[in-house]
Amino acid sequence: MTLSGARGDSASLHRRSLLATVFGNFVEYFDWLAFGLFAPYFAAEFFPSSNPVTSLLGAFAVFAVGMFLRPVGGVVLGIVADRRGRKPALMLSIALMAAGSTVIAVCPTYEQIGIAAPLLLLAARAAQGFSSGGEWPAAVIYLRELAPENKQVRYGSLFSLSAASGAFVASLLGGVLSAWLGPQGMAEWGWRVPFLLGAIFGVALLIARNRLAETPVFQREVRGKESRGSMRRVLTSYRRQVLLVVLFVAGLTAVIGIWTTAVPAMGHRLAPPGQMFWVIVVVTSITVLVQVPLGMLADRVGVPRFLAFTNIGFLLIGPYTYLTIDGDFLTLVLAYGSGVIYMGCLTAVSPKVLGAIFPPEQRTLGVGLPHSLTTAILGGLTPSLATYTDQQGASGWFMAGVVVTVLVGWGAAVVATSRYVPDRALVTDLPARPEHARAAA
């Protein structure tokens, strides 16, 4: 084979690996947002009640259980990724996600099989929670190890773009279905459509990921090391790094839990039927357009400045729009958009920031354990807390707690960035970096 041919094959494999990783994030966000978007339609099918808010709280409780399984997935799939390879972990995570979507799509209702219906829904969501706990860190680390040093946030922005695309497709589907079927048709069977599509997406992605290339970093620096994927080593030698991940992720997760689940549910209640779907379509369309340029900007100005701009912007706009939300279309666009743009910006820098904190042989488990544990607690509880405080007229106190969490997360990002991710180009995948060597000493 000629040199140019070899380079062409390598570039083609690189693109396929990148697309398969990014599309996995699309599927995860499509499935995850679909649950929140369609919960008001199927909640009463599994949790019958004369009060629709009570039914919705039952559906959000299932959402929380799925979140609580994330730490288990983060640990198990993190160990798989660090010991066996990034590819096997990514294969297993998407298989579980597809299985969960399939069960939800075909699950009988409470009227048909009684208590077994919510139990099946619970089991399916648990599988998806386990999957999501391992998918995110494995994909983030794979993407980081695939990216050139000077394009890491740009590659991370593709991760954010795929998340916005997943939300766009889920909300567009919801808008079309609600306009076509109406509230009764959505409650009877329309809510099943996104989960059926999620299952199809999952199977297609499983086939695509079977052709993934293992990262050169894993092959060169991880394979063969006895200490790789060690829980004991992560918890004893890298305690400070674990704490930084927890604090960084806490700010992001609090916003994700509210803006991907509670805000859409509030929009459904306040706005005319189906309007919230179109709000999300508009916001995610804008997000898809600006995400890569924002990633390029972050690579150019540096992560610290980009984080400062992002966090200050959200703190000035996000809480206000949440507390003044109503059924007006433009108000909903601003309220939902303030959180979604923030989520996209922080997700874009996550591969560069989090991937640099740990050495390659502990990287996926080191990120996956604290990330999944934090998202399980905050991501699982915030939708229910947001719904409950809204009913009790205490949304101001709730949002004050969110602001504090975001500020703490920003502080952790500043510390992590200044210590592990300086503005200048740095080859972070070489062994025996000074910070890692001191931490392991």
Protein backbone atom coordinates (compact mmCIF):
# COMPACT_ATOMS: atom_id res chain seq x y z
CA MET A 1 0.00 0.00 0.00
CA THR A 2 1.33 3.48 -0.83
CA LEU A 3 2.06 6.01 1.90
CA SER A 4 -0.77 8.25 0.70
CA GLY A 5 -3.12 5.26 0.71
CA ALA A 6 -2.13 4.37 4.27
CA ARG A 7 -2.71 7.94 5.35
CA GLY A 8 -6.10 7.95 3.62
CA ASP A 9 -7.14 4.75 5.40
CA SER A 10 -5.96 6.18 8.72
CA ALA A 11 -7.90 9.41 8.17
CA SER A 12 -11.01 7.45 7.20
CA LEU A 13 -10.74 5.30 10.34
CA HIS A 14 -10.26 8.44 12.42
CA ARG A 15 -13.44 9.99 10.98
CA ARG A 16 -15.46 6.78 11.49
CA SER A 17 -14.28 6.52 15.09
CA LEU A 18 -15.10 10.17 15.73
CA LEU A 19 -18.58 9.85 14.23
CA ALA A 20 -19.38 6.64 16.10
CA THR A 21 -18.38 8.28 19.38
CA VAL A 22 -20.26 11.49 18.75
CA PHE A 23 -23.38 9.69 17.51
CA GLY A 24 -23.44 7.71 20.76
CA ASN A 25 -23.82 10.97 22.64
CA PHE A 26 -26.66 11.88 20.25
CA VAL A 27 -28.47 8.63 21.09
CA GLU A 28 -27.94 9.06 24.82
CA TYR A 29 -29.33 12.60 24.87
CA PHE A 30 -32.19 11.66 22.55
CA ASP A 31 -33.24 8.86 24.91
CA TRP A 32 -32.63 10.86 28.07
CA LEU A 33 -34.52 13.97 26.95
CA ALA A 34 -37.33 11.93 25.42
CA PHE A 35 -38.13 10.57 28.87
CA GLY A 36 -38.48 14.09 30.30
CA LEU A 37 -40.34 15.47 27.29
CA PHE A 38 -42.86 12.66 27.03
CA ALA A 39 -43.23 11.97 30.77
CA PRO A 40 -46.32 14.20 31.07
CA TYR A 41 -48.02 12.00 28.45
CA PHE A 42 -47.15 8.54 29.80
CA ALA A 43 -46.92 9.27 33.56
CA ALA A 44 -50.59 8.44 34.19
CA GLU A 45 -50.25 5.21 32.16
CA PHE A 46 -47.83 3.84 34.76
CA PHE A 47 -48.73 5.88 37.86
CA PRO A 48 -52.52 6.45 37.79
CA SER A 49 -53.70 9.36 39.95
CA SER A 50 -56.41 12.00 39.94
CA ASN A 51 -53.67 14.62 40.31
CA PRO A 52 -51.45 14.89 37.19
CA VAL A 53 -48.58 16.37 39.24
CA THR A 54 -48.58 13.25 41.43
CA SER A 55 -48.33 11.05 38.33
CA LEU A 56 -45.52 13.22 37.00
CA LEU A 57 -43.63 12.93 40.29
CA GLY A 58 -43.92 9.14 39.97
CA ALA A 59 -42.35 9.28 36.50
CA PHE A 60 -39.58 11.56 37.80
CA ALA A 61 -38.96 9.06 40.62
CA VAL A 62 -38.22 6.47 37.94
CA PHE A 63 -35.95 9.04 36.30
CA ALA A 64 -34.14 9.40 39.65
CA VAL A 65 -33.68 5.63 40.01
CA GLY A 66 -32.05 5.56 36.59
CA MET A 67 -29.72 8.31 37.77
CA PHE A 68 -28.85 6.36 40.92
CA LEU A 69 -27.61 3.46 38.77
CA ARG A 70 -25.14 5.76 37.05
CA PRO A 71 -22.37 5.29 39.66
CA VAL A 72 -22.50 1.53 39.18
CA GLY A 73 -22.20 1.97 35.43
CA GLY A 74 -19.47 4.57 35.87
CA VAL A 75 -17.39 2.18 37.98
CA VAL A 76 -18.00 -1.02 36.02
CA LEU A 77 -17.63 0.46 32.55
CA GLY A 78 -14.77 2.68 33.74
CA ILE A 79 -12.86 -0.41 34.85
CA VAL A 80 -13.67 -2.11 31.55
CA ALA A 81 -12.43 0.93 29.60
CA ASP A 82 -9.16 1.19 31.55
CA ARG A 83 -8.45 -2.54 31.63
CA ARG A 84 -9.87 -3.96 28.41
CA GLY A 85 -10.04 -0.86 26.21
CA ARG A 86 -12.21 2.13 25.45
CA LYS A 87 -13.98 0.30 22.61
CA PRO A 88 -15.48 -2.60 24.69
CA ALA A 89 -16.89 -0.13 27.21
CA LEU A 90 -18.49 1.94 24.46
CA MET A 91 -20.00 -1.19 22.90
CA LEU A 92 -21.51 -2.39 26.17
CA SER A 93 -22.93 0.99 27.12
CA ILE A 94 -24.84 1.47 23.88
CA ALA A 95 -26.17 -2.11 23.97
CA LEU A 96 -27.74 -1.46 27.38
CA MET A 97 -29.16 1.88 26.26
CA ALA A 98 -30.83 0.26 23.24
CA ALA A 99 -32.24 -2.56 25.40
CA GLY A 100 -33.77 -0.06 27.84
CA SER A 101 -35.39 1.93 25.03
CA THR A 102 -36.86 -1.24 23.54
CA VAL A 103 -38.47 -2.26 26.84
CA ILE A 104 -40.01 1.19 27.36
CA ALA A 105 -41.32 1.26 23.79
CA VAL A 106 -43.26 -2.01 24.16
CA CYS A 107 -44.02 -1.98 27.90
CA PRO A 108 -47.70 -2.62 28.81
CA THR A 109 -49.45 -0.02 30.98
CA TYR A 110 -50.64 -0.24 34.60
CA GLU A 111 -54.19 -0.88 33.40
CA GLN A 112 -52.99 -3.89 31.42
CA ILE A 113 -50.61 -5.65 33.83
CA GLY A 114 -50.89 -3.76 37.11
CA ILE A 115 -47.84 -3.13 39.28
CA ALA A 116 -45.60 -5.02 36.84
CA ALA A 117 -45.85 -2.06 34.43
CA PRO A 118 -44.01 0.52 36.58
CA LEU A 119 -41.57 -2.20 37.65
CA LEU A 120 -40.70 -2.91 34.00
CA LEU A 121 -40.35 0.82 33.38
CA LEU A 122 -38.08 1.00 36.40
CA ALA A 123 -35.92 -1.89 35.16
CA ALA A 124 -35.57 -0.34 31.71
CA ARG A 125 -34.61 3.02 33.15
CA ALA A 126 -32.12 1.33 35.49
CA ALA A 127 -30.41 -0.26 32.48
CA GLN A 128 -30.26 3.11 30.76
CA GLY A 129 -28.91 4.74 33.92
CA PHE A 130 -26.18 2.10 34.17
CA SER A 131 -25.37 2.65 30.51
CA SER A 132 -25.29 6.43 30.77
CA GLY A 133 -23.01 6.27 33.81
CA GLY A 134 -20.36 4.57 31.71
CA GLU A 135 -21.09 6.03 28.27
CA TRP A 136 -20.31 9.64 29.09
CA PRO A 137 -16.86 9.21 30.67
CA ALA A 138 -15.81 6.51 28.19
CA ALA A 139 -16.86 8.67 25.24
CA VAL A 140 -15.25 11.81 26.71
CA ILE A 141 -11.95 10.02 27.27
CA TYR A 142 -12.06 8.36 23.85
CA LEU A 143 -12.75 11.71 22.21
CA ARG A 144 -9.96 13.41 24.13
CA GLU A 145 -7.43 10.74 23.21
CA LEU A 146 -8.52 10.98 19.59
CA ALA A 147 -8.24 14.78 19.36
CA PRO A 148 -5.14 16.75 18.31
CA GLU A 149 -3.75 18.84 21.15
CA ASN A 150 -4.73 22.18 19.62
CA LYS A 151 -8.30 21.07 18.78
CA GLN A 152 -9.47 19.39 21.97
CA VAL A 153 -12.27 21.83 22.78
CA ARG A 154 -13.30 21.86 19.12
CA TYR A 155 -13.66 18.08 19.28
CA GLY A 156 -15.46 18.49 22.60
CA SER A 157 -17.86 20.91 20.91
CA LEU A 158 -18.85 18.07 18.58
CA PHE A 159 -19.86 16.22 21.73
CA SER A 160 -22.03 19.18 22.72
CA LEU A 161 -23.37 19.49 19.17
CA SER A 162 -24.45 15.85 19.18
CA ALA A 163 -26.24 16.38 22.50
CA ALA A 164 -28.09 19.38 21.09
CA SER A 165 -28.90 17.38 17.96
CA GLY A 166 -30.36 14.58 20.08
CA ALA A 167 -32.52 17.12 21.89
CA PHE A 168 -33.49 18.72 18.57
CA VAL A 169 -34.67 15.43 17.05
CA ALA A 170 -36.54 14.40 20.22
CA SER A 171 -38.32 17.74 20.49
CA LEU A 172 -39.07 17.96 16.76
CA LEU A 173 -40.54 14.49 16.93
CA GLY A 174 -42.60 15.53 19.93
CA GLY A 175 -43.87 18.65 18.16
CA VAL A 176 -44.88 16.73 15.04
CA LEU A 177 -46.52 13.92 16.98
CA SER A 178 -48.44 16.24 19.31
CA ALA A 179 -49.74 18.28 16.36
CA TRP A 180 -50.73 15.13 14.49
CA LEU A 181 -52.15 13.00 17.32
CA GLY A 182 -53.33 15.55 19.87
CA PRO A 183 -53.16 15.03 23.66
CA GLN A 184 -55.30 11.87 23.61
CA GLY A 185 -53.31 10.15 20.88
CA MET A 186 -50.04 11.08 22.57
CA ALA A 187 -51.24 9.57 25.85
CA GLU A 188 -52.52 6.40 24.16
CA TRP A 189 -49.51 5.48 22.02
CA GLY A 190 -47.65 8.48 20.61
CA TRP A 191 -45.26 8.60 23.58
CA ARG A 192 -43.88 5.17 22.55
CA VAL A 193 -42.51 6.38 19.20
CA PRO A 194 -39.32 8.10 20.48
CA PHE A 195 -38.31 5.07 22.51
CA LEU A 196 -38.80 2.82 19.50
CA LEU A 197 -36.58 5.15 17.48
CA GLY A 198 -34.06 5.16 20.31
CA ALA A 199 -33.87 1.38 20.10
CA ILE A 200 -33.29 1.53 16.34
CA PHE A 201 -30.62 4.20 16.76
CA GLY A 202 -28.94 2.06 19.39
CA VAL A 203 -28.75 -1.02 17.19
CA ALA A 204 -27.33 1.02 14.30
CA LEU A 205 -24.73 2.54 16.59
CA LEU A 206 -23.78 -0.84 18.01
CA ILE A 207 -22.97 -1.99 14.47
CA ALA A 208 -20.96 1.18 13.81
CA ARG A 209 -18.99 0.92 17.05
CA ASN A 210 -17.97 -2.62 16.24
CA ARG A 211 -15.56 -0.99 13.75
CA LEU A 212 -14.11 1.49 16.24
CA ALA A 213 -10.32 1.77 16.45
CA GLU A 214 -8.78 1.60 19.90
CA THR A 215 -7.04 4.84 20.87
CA PRO A 216 -3.25 5.03 20.39
CA VAL A 217 -2.95 6.27 23.98
CA PHE A 218 -4.51 3.08 25.34
CA GLN A 219 -2.43 0.86 23.09
CA ARG A 220 0.81 2.71 23.83
CA GLU A 221 0.53 3.65 27.51
CA VAL A 222 -2.23 1.64 29.18
CA ARG A 223 -2.33 -1.89 27.79
CA GLY A 224 -0.14 -4.17 29.86
CA LYS A 225 0.08 -1.98 32.96
CA GLU A 226 -0.87 -3.92 36.09
CA SER A 227 -2.24 -0.88 37.93
CA ARG A 228 -4.71 0.16 35.23
CA GLY A 229 -8.33 0.68 36.21
CA SER A 230 -7.65 0.36 39.95
CA MET A 231 -10.39 1.60 42.26
CA ARG A 232 -8.05 1.57 45.25
CA ARG A 233 -5.46 3.66 43.43
CA VAL A 234 -8.03 6.20 42.24
CA LEU A 235 -9.43 6.66 45.76
CA THR A 236 -6.07 6.77 47.56
CA SER A 237 -3.59 8.39 45.16
CA TYR A 238 -5.93 10.79 43.35
CA ARG A 239 -8.27 12.04 46.05
CA ARG A 240 -7.81 15.70 45.15
CA GLN A 241 -8.47 15.00 41.50
CA VAL A 242 -11.64 13.07 42.38
CA LEU A 243 -12.86 16.03 44.45
CA LEU A 244 -12.21 18.43 41.57
CA VAL A 245 -14.28 16.26 39.23
CA VAL A 246 -17.13 16.09 41.76
CA LEU A 247 -17.25 19.85 42.20
CA PHE A 248 -16.87 20.64 38.51
CA VAL A 249 -19.57 18.17 37.50
CA ALA A 250 -21.93 19.30 40.29
CA GLY A 251 -22.46 22.73 38.76
CA LEU A 252 -23.06 21.31 35.30
CA THR A 253 -25.31 18.49 36.52
CA ALA A 254 -27.56 20.76 38.56
CA VAL A 255 -28.29 22.75 35.41
CA ILE A 256 -28.70 19.63 33.26
CA GLY A 257 -31.14 18.04 35.71
CA ILE A 258 -33.33 21.15 35.73
CA TRP A 259 -33.12 22.33 32.13
CA THR A 260 -33.51 18.95 30.42
CA THR A 261 -36.39 17.69 32.56
CA ALA A 262 -38.04 20.19 34.89
CA VAL A 263 -38.06 23.21 32.56
CA PRO A 264 -39.67 21.27 29.66
CA ALA A 265 -42.26 19.86 32.08
CA MET A 266 -43.02 23.38 33.35
CA GLY A 267 -43.31 24.57 29.77
CA HIS A 268 -45.79 21.81 29.00
CA ARG A 269 -47.98 22.94 31.92
CA LEU A 270 -47.77 26.68 31.24
CA ALA A 271 -47.93 26.79 27.44
CA PRO A 272 -50.54 25.58 24.93
CA PRO A 273 -50.31 21.85 24.06
CA GLY A 274 -47.25 21.00 21.98
CA GLN A 275 -45.67 24.47 22.16
CA MET A 276 -42.78 23.42 24.41
CA PHE A 277 -41.63 20.94 21.76
CA TRP A 278 -41.21 23.81 19.29
CA VAL A 279 -39.41 25.92 21.89
CA ILE A 280 -36.83 23.16 22.21
CA VAL A 281 -36.60 22.84 18.42
CA VAL A 282 -35.73 26.54 18.14
CA VAL A 283 -33.21 26.50 20.98
CA THR A 284 -31.44 23.33 19.88
CA SER A 285 -31.29 24.59 16.29
CA ILE A 286 -29.43 27.67 17.50
CA THR A 287 -27.20 25.52 19.70
CA VAL A 288 -26.24 23.25 16.81
CA LEU A 289 -25.24 26.29 14.74
CA VAL A 290 -23.09 27.99 17.40
CA GLN A 291 -21.52 25.02 19.18
CA VAL A 292 -18.51 24.38 16.93
CA PRO A 293 -17.67 28.11 16.56
CA LEU A 294 -17.77 28.36 20.36
CA GLY A 295 -15.41 25.39 20.62
CA MET A 296 -13.01 27.03 18.17
CA LEU A 297 -13.21 30.22 20.21
CA ALA A 298 -12.36 28.33 23.41
CA ASP A 299 -9.31 26.74 21.75
CA ARG A 300 -8.18 30.20 20.67
CA VAL A 301 -8.77 32.27 23.84
CA GLY A 302 -8.04 29.50 26.33
CA VAL A 303 -10.25 27.49 28.65
CA PRO A 304 -10.04 29.86 31.70
CA ARG A 305 -11.35 32.89 29.79
CA PHE A 306 -14.00 30.82 28.05
CA LEU A 307 -15.22 29.41 31.38
CA ALA A 308 -15.37 32.88 32.91
CA PHE A 309 -17.49 34.22 30.04
CA THR A 310 -19.77 31.16 30.11
CA ASN A 311 -20.41 31.09 33.86
CA ILE A 312 -20.93 34.84 34.24
CA GLY A 313 -23.34 34.83 31.32
CA PHE A 314 -25.40 32.00 32.77
CA LEU A 315 -25.47 33.42 36.31
CA LEU A 316 -26.77 36.73 34.97
CA ILE A 317 -29.47 35.22 32.76
CA GLY A 318 -30.35 31.65 33.78
CA PRO A 319 -31.80 32.09 37.29
CA TYR A 320 -33.84 35.14 36.23
CA THR A 321 -35.41 33.39 33.25
CA TYR A 322 -36.21 30.32 35.36
CA LEU A 323 -37.96 32.37 38.05
CA THR A 324 -39.97 34.43 35.54
CA ILE A 325 -40.95 31.58 33.23
CA ASP A 326 -44.46 31.65 31.78
CA GLY A 327 -46.34 30.31 28.76
CA ASP A 328 -45.13 32.98 26.31
CA PHE A 329 -43.15 31.45 23.44
CA LEU A 330 -40.23 33.93 23.49
CA THR A 331 -40.00 33.76 27.28
CA LEU A 332 -39.76 29.99 27.10
CA VAL A 333 -37.10 30.20 24.38
CA LEU A 334 -34.98 32.49 26.54
CA ALA A 335 -35.54 30.42 29.68
CA TYR A 336 -34.73 27.11 28.05
CA GLY A 337 -31.93 28.52 25.91
CA SER A 338 -30.05 30.07 28.83
CA GLY A 339 -29.49 26.65 30.36
CA VAL A 340 -28.92 24.71 27.15
CA ILE A 341 -26.20 27.03 25.83
CA TYR A 342 -24.46 26.89 29.20
CA MET A 343 -24.61 23.10 29.22
CA GLY A 344 -23.16 22.95 25.72
CA CYS A 345 -20.23 25.23 26.57
CA LEU A 346 -19.24 23.29 29.68
CA THR A 347 -19.67 19.95 27.94
CA ALA A 348 -17.35 21.14 25.17
CA VAL A 349 -14.48 21.84 27.58
CA SER A 350 -15.06 18.68 29.66
CA PRO A 351 -12.87 16.33 27.57
CA LYS A 352 -9.90 18.70 27.81
CA VAL A 353 -10.31 19.55 31.50
CA LEU A 354 -11.38 16.21 32.94
CA GLY A 355 -9.21 14.09 30.67
CA ALA A 356 -6.08 15.93 31.80
CA ILE A 357 -6.63 15.38 35.52
CA PHE A 358 -5.83 11.66 35.59
CA PRO A 359 -3.07 9.58 33.94
CA PRO A 360 -4.18 7.37 31.01
CA GLU A 361 -4.27 4.09 32.97
CA GLN A 362 -6.78 5.51 35.52
CA ARG A 363 -8.45 8.06 33.27
CA THR A 364 -11.88 6.58 32.54
CA LEU A 365 -12.47 5.21 36.04
CA GLY A 366 -11.06 8.38 37.60
CA VAL A 367 -13.55 10.51 35.69
CA GLY A 368 -16.40 7.98 35.59
CA LEU A 369 -16.69 7.29 39.33
CA PRO A 370 -17.02 10.87 40.63
CA HIS A 371 -18.92 12.04 37.55
CA SER A 372 -21.56 9.32 37.72
CA LEU A 373 -21.91 9.58 41.51
CA THR A 374 -22.44 13.33 41.32
CA THR A 375 -24.91 13.11 38.45
CA ALA A 376 -26.80 10.36 40.27
CA ILE A 377 -27.35 12.53 43.33
CA LEU A 378 -27.92 15.94 41.76
CA GLY A 379 -29.28 14.87 38.38
CA GLY A 380 -31.68 12.42 39.96
CA LEU A 381 -33.04 14.75 42.62
CA THR A 382 -33.13 18.15 40.93
CA PRO A 383 -36.14 17.48 38.61
CA SER A 384 -38.28 16.36 41.56
CA LEU A 385 -36.99 19.17 43.78
CA ALA A 386 -37.65 21.73 41.06
CA THR A 387 -41.19 20.42 40.58
CA TYR A 388 -41.89 20.30 44.33
CA THR A 389 -40.48 23.76 45.12
CA ASP A 390 -42.40 25.21 42.19
CA GLN A 391 -45.63 23.81 43.66
CA GLN A 392 -44.72 25.18 47.10
CA GLY A 393 -43.76 28.66 45.86
CA ALA A 394 -40.14 28.21 46.95
CA SER A 395 -38.44 28.34 43.56
CA GLY A 396 -36.33 31.33 44.63
CA TRP A 397 -34.63 29.36 47.41
CA PHE A 398 -34.14 26.42 45.11
CA MET A 399 -32.51 28.56 42.43
CA ALA A 400 -30.26 30.17 45.05
CA GLY A 401 -28.90 26.70 45.80
CA VAL A 402 -28.33 26.11 42.09
CA VAL A 403 -26.38 29.38 41.82
CA VAL A 404 -24.11 28.36 44.70
CA THR A 405 -23.52 24.97 43.06
CA VAL A 406 -22.61 26.58 39.75
CA LEU A 407 -20.16 28.95 41.48
CA VAL A 408 -18.49 26.03 43.27
CA GLY A 409 -18.22 24.15 39.98
CA TRP A 410 -16.64 27.16 38.33
CA GLY A 411 -14.11 27.42 41.14
CA ALA A 412 -13.17 23.76 40.73
CA ALA A 413 -12.77 24.28 36.98
CA VAL A 414 -10.44 27.21 37.61
CA VAL A 415 -8.27 25.10 39.94
CA ALA A 416 -8.23 22.10 37.59
CA THR A 417 -7.45 24.24 34.57
CA SER A 418 -4.64 26.20 36.22
CA ARG A 419 -3.01 23.03 37.55
CA TYR A 420 -3.50 20.57 34.70
CA VAL A 421 -4.51 22.50 31.58
CA PRO A 422 -2.32 25.57 31.03
CA ASP A 423 -3.14 27.78 28.06
CA ARG A 424 -0.03 26.79 26.14
CA ALA A 425 -0.05 23.57 24.11
CA LEU A 426 0.87 20.69 26.35
CA VAL A 427 1.28 17.02 25.53
CA THR A 428 -0.87 15.63 28.30
CA ASP A 429 -0.77 11.99 27.29
CA LEU A 430 2.89 11.39 28.03
CA PRO A 431 3.63 9.35 31.17
CA ALA A 432 5.08 10.70 34.40
CA ARG A 433 3.62 14.17 34.23
CA PRO A 434 4.77 16.15 37.27
CA GLU A 435 1.29 16.57 38.73
CA HIS A 436 0.43 12.91 38.39
CA ALA A 437 3.78 11.83 39.71
CA ARG A 438 3.34 13.96 42.84
CA ALA A 439 -0.20 12.73 43.37
CA ALA A 440 0.81 9.10 43.11
CA ALA A 441 3.83 9.52 45.38
